[in-house]
Amino acid sequence: MRVLTSAEIRFILGIIPKRSPFGARDRAMLIFLLHTGLRVSEICGLTVRDVMQWSSPRRMLDLPGHLGKGGSPRLIPLNTTAREAVATLVHFNHSRGFSTAPEAPLLVNRRGKALPIRTFQHLVQCYREAAQLSDRITPHAFRHTMATELVGATGNLRVAQAVLGHRRLNTTQVYTHPSPADLAQAMDTIG
């Protein structure tokens, strides 16, 4: 699986037309994906209730078990950037006349219905192609990137395991890759 570089992330987000009818939604949903590490099925299944409390984004996403793989619920802290993406998505829905009721989908299509998984995957593919980036950049690559950055920042595989919802630690290890800088730093410690 591929880890996105900072330049690739900036480029794919930058290619999304800001003035297109759904540009704000698309940019916010990719940022949210990048900062939560959710699976596509999980992000497409979210409701407004899952991410909003009263009129502000929640600090913690209590992912319902029926959305997660294996049927296990999990808690995912939402950092400032993820909360800003939530606020953008809810504002987008409201400004377009789509429902923002608690049971309404967070990600909507042009008819105000829940965004299908295949549509989400297709959007990533279209933006990837428009940016002329590798065909290995998929929604799952965003999850992989978040996991790698999380382990790099914390050095703790258990934290990444909890956020990603893996039952076994060795599953989480697949999502982690030491960067060349990490390798060089490790080698310097023994020299």
Protein backbone atom coordinates (compact mmCIF):
# COMPACT_ATOMS: atom_id res chain seq x y z
CA MET A 1 0.00 0.00 0.00
CA ARG A 2 1.14 3.50 -0.80
CA VAL A 3 1.83 6.38 1.60
CA LEU A 4 1.06 9.81 0.17
CA THR A 5 3.73 12.48 0.30
CA SER A 6 2.93 15.97 1.56
CA ALA A 7 3.33 17.25 -1.99
CA GLU A 8 0.88 14.67 -3.35
CA ILE A 9 -1.67 15.56 -0.68
CA ARG A 10 -1.37 19.28 -1.45
CA PHE A 11 -1.57 18.58 -5.18
CA ILE A 12 -4.66 16.35 -5.02
CA LEU A 13 -6.44 18.79 -2.69
CA GLY A 14 -5.36 21.70 -4.87
CA ILE A 15 -6.76 20.11 -8.04
CA ILE A 16 -10.30 20.13 -6.62
CA PRO A 17 -12.07 23.13 -8.17
CA LYS A 18 -13.06 25.48 -5.35
CA ARG A 19 -15.94 26.94 -7.34
CA SER A 20 -17.43 23.65 -8.53
CA PRO A 21 -20.81 22.81 -6.98
CA PHE A 22 -19.34 19.99 -4.88
CA GLY A 23 -15.73 21.14 -4.59
CA ALA A 24 -16.04 22.22 -0.95
CA ARG A 25 -17.58 18.84 -0.04
CA ASP A 26 -14.94 16.86 -1.89
CA ARG A 27 -12.03 18.75 -0.37
CA ALA A 28 -13.47 18.52 3.16
CA MET A 29 -14.24 14.81 2.88
CA LEU A 30 -10.68 14.01 1.74
CA ILE A 31 -9.22 16.11 4.55
CA PHE A 32 -11.53 14.36 7.03
CA LEU A 33 -10.46 10.98 5.65
CA LEU A 34 -6.80 11.92 5.93
CA HIS A 35 -7.18 13.03 9.55
CA THR A 36 -9.29 10.12 10.80
CA GLY A 37 -8.04 7.09 8.88
CA LEU A 38 -11.58 5.86 8.34
CA ARG A 39 -12.40 3.18 5.79
CA VAL A 40 -14.49 4.37 2.85
CA SER A 41 -17.49 2.37 4.07
CA GLU A 42 -17.18 4.05 7.47
CA ILE A 43 -16.97 7.63 6.22
CA CYS A 44 -19.81 7.09 3.73
CA GLY A 45 -21.99 5.68 6.51
CA LEU A 46 -21.58 8.58 8.94
CA THR A 47 -24.56 10.66 9.96
CA VAL A 48 -24.58 14.22 11.23
CA ARG A 49 -25.26 12.84 14.72
CA ASP A 50 -22.00 10.87 14.61
CA VAL A 51 -19.88 14.00 14.16
CA MET A 52 -21.92 16.89 15.58
CA GLN A 53 -23.07 17.69 19.09
CA TRP A 54 -25.61 20.49 19.17
CA SER A 55 -24.12 23.03 16.78
CA SER A 56 -20.43 22.16 16.92
CA PRO A 57 -18.27 19.24 15.80
CA ARG A 58 -17.59 16.55 18.36
CA ARG A 59 -14.09 16.15 19.74
CA MET A 60 -14.46 12.38 19.61
CA LEU A 61 -16.06 10.29 16.89
CA ASP A 62 -17.90 7.38 18.48
CA LEU A 63 -17.96 5.18 15.38
CA PRO A 64 -20.98 2.87 15.53
CA GLY A 65 -20.19 -0.84 15.40
CA HIS A 66 -22.35 -1.46 12.36
CA LEU A 67 -20.07 0.83 10.31
CA GLY A 68 -16.75 -0.67 11.37
CA LYS A 69 -15.18 -3.81 10.02
CA GLY A 70 -15.96 -6.73 12.31
CA GLY A 71 -18.87 -4.88 13.91
CA SER A 72 -16.76 -3.32 16.66
CA PRO A 73 -17.43 0.27 17.70
CA ARG A 74 -14.43 2.50 18.35
CA LEU A 75 -13.54 5.98 19.51
CA ILE A 76 -11.55 8.22 17.20
CA PRO A 77 -10.33 11.58 18.49
CA LEU A 78 -11.01 14.38 16.01
CA ASN A 79 -8.17 16.87 15.77
CA THR A 80 -8.75 20.51 14.90
CA THR A 81 -8.40 19.90 11.16
CA ALA A 82 -10.90 17.01 11.24
CA ARG A 83 -13.39 19.15 13.20
CA GLU A 84 -12.99 21.99 10.68
CA ALA A 85 -13.70 19.50 7.86
CA VAL A 86 -16.85 18.38 9.70
CA ALA A 87 -17.99 21.98 10.07
CA THR A 88 -17.37 22.55 6.35
CA LEU A 89 -19.35 19.43 5.40
CA VAL A 90 -22.33 20.33 7.59
CA HIS A 91 -22.26 23.94 6.34
CA PHE A 92 -22.08 22.66 2.75
CA ASN A 93 -25.13 20.47 3.28
CA HIS A 94 -27.07 23.29 4.92
CA SER A 95 -26.14 25.86 2.26
CA ARG A 96 -27.28 23.51 -0.52
CA GLY A 97 -30.61 22.80 1.16
CA PHE A 98 -29.70 19.26 2.20
CA SER A 99 -30.77 17.99 5.59
CA THR A 100 -28.52 18.54 8.58
CA ALA A 101 -30.84 16.67 10.94
CA PRO A 102 -29.06 14.25 13.27
CA GLU A 103 -30.07 11.20 11.20
CA ALA A 104 -29.05 12.82 7.87
CA PRO A 105 -25.96 11.51 6.07
CA LEU A 106 -22.80 13.57 6.51
CA LEU A 107 -21.69 12.99 2.91
CA VAL A 108 -24.41 13.49 0.33
CA ASN A 109 -24.74 13.09 -3.40
CA ARG A 110 -26.48 15.55 -5.73
CA ARG A 111 -29.90 14.29 -4.61
CA GLY A 112 -29.17 14.71 -0.90
CA LYS A 113 -28.86 10.95 -0.32
CA ALA A 114 -25.90 9.24 1.35
CA LEU A 115 -22.84 9.29 -0.91
CA PRO A 116 -22.30 5.74 -2.21
CA ILE A 117 -18.93 4.08 -1.58
CA ARG A 118 -18.34 3.62 -5.33
CA THR A 119 -18.96 7.32 -5.94
CA PHE A 120 -16.43 8.23 -3.24
CA GLN A 121 -13.87 5.89 -4.85
CA HIS A 122 -14.65 7.31 -8.29
CA LEU A 123 -14.15 10.89 -7.07
CA VAL A 124 -10.72 10.02 -5.68
CA GLN A 125 -9.85 8.36 -8.99
CA CYS A 126 -10.98 11.41 -10.99
CA TYR A 127 -8.96 13.82 -8.85
CA ARG A 128 -5.94 11.50 -8.93
CA GLU A 129 -6.13 11.37 -12.74
CA ALA A 130 -6.63 15.14 -13.02
CA ALA A 131 -3.55 15.62 -10.85
CA GLN A 132 -1.68 13.03 -12.96
CA LEU A 133 -0.66 11.09 -9.87
CA SER A 134 0.02 7.39 -9.40
CA ASP A 135 -2.84 4.96 -9.91
CA ARG A 136 -2.01 3.54 -6.49
CA ILE A 137 -3.51 6.60 -4.81
CA THR A 138 -6.84 5.30 -3.55
CA PRO A 139 -9.05 6.18 -0.58
CA HIS A 140 -7.25 3.41 1.31
CA ALA A 141 -3.94 5.19 0.67
CA PHE A 142 -5.29 8.11 2.75
CA ARG A 143 -5.91 5.66 5.63
CA HIS A 144 -2.45 4.20 5.18
CA THR A 145 -0.89 7.67 5.18
CA MET A 146 -2.68 8.68 8.38
CA ALA A 147 -1.59 5.46 10.12
CA THR A 148 2.03 5.92 9.07
CA GLU A 149 2.04 9.55 10.24
CA LEU A 150 0.38 8.60 13.53
CA VAL A 151 2.94 5.91 14.31
CA GLY A 152 5.74 8.26 13.25
CA ALA A 153 4.45 11.02 15.53
CA THR A 154 3.71 8.84 18.56
CA GLY A 155 6.00 5.84 18.10
CA ASN A 156 3.11 3.83 19.49
CA LEU A 157 1.59 1.04 17.39
CA ARG A 158 -1.11 0.48 20.02
CA VAL A 159 -2.48 3.98 19.50
CA ALA A 160 -2.70 3.41 15.75
CA GLN A 161 -4.27 0.00 16.37
CA ALA A 162 -7.03 1.56 18.48
CA VAL A 163 -7.73 4.39 16.02
CA LEU A 164 -7.76 2.06 13.00
CA GLY A 165 -9.90 -0.55 14.76
CA HIS A 166 -7.57 -3.49 14.25
CA ARG A 167 -7.97 -6.52 16.47
CA ARG A 168 -4.36 -7.66 16.06
CA LEU A 169 -1.24 -5.54 16.32
CA ASN A 170 0.43 -7.27 13.37
CA THR A 171 -2.38 -5.94 11.14
CA THR A 172 -1.44 -2.41 12.18
CA GLN A 173 2.24 -3.03 11.44
CA VAL A 174 1.38 -3.41 7.75
CA TYR A 175 0.28 0.24 7.73
CA THR A 176 3.56 1.57 9.02
CA HIS A 177 6.67 2.41 7.07
CA PRO A 178 9.80 4.03 8.42
CA SER A 179 10.77 7.05 6.36
CA PRO A 180 14.33 7.45 5.05
CA ALA A 181 14.82 10.11 7.74
CA ASP A 182 13.68 7.65 10.43
CA LEU A 183 16.14 5.05 9.15
CA ALA A 184 19.00 7.55 9.08
CA GLN A 185 18.19 8.76 12.59
CA ALA A 186 18.07 5.17 13.89
CA MET A 187 21.44 4.40 12.33
CA ASP A 188 22.94 7.56 13.83
CA THR A 189 21.94 6.40 17.31
CA ILE A 190 24.15 3.32 17.04
CA GLY A 191 27.08 5.12 15.46
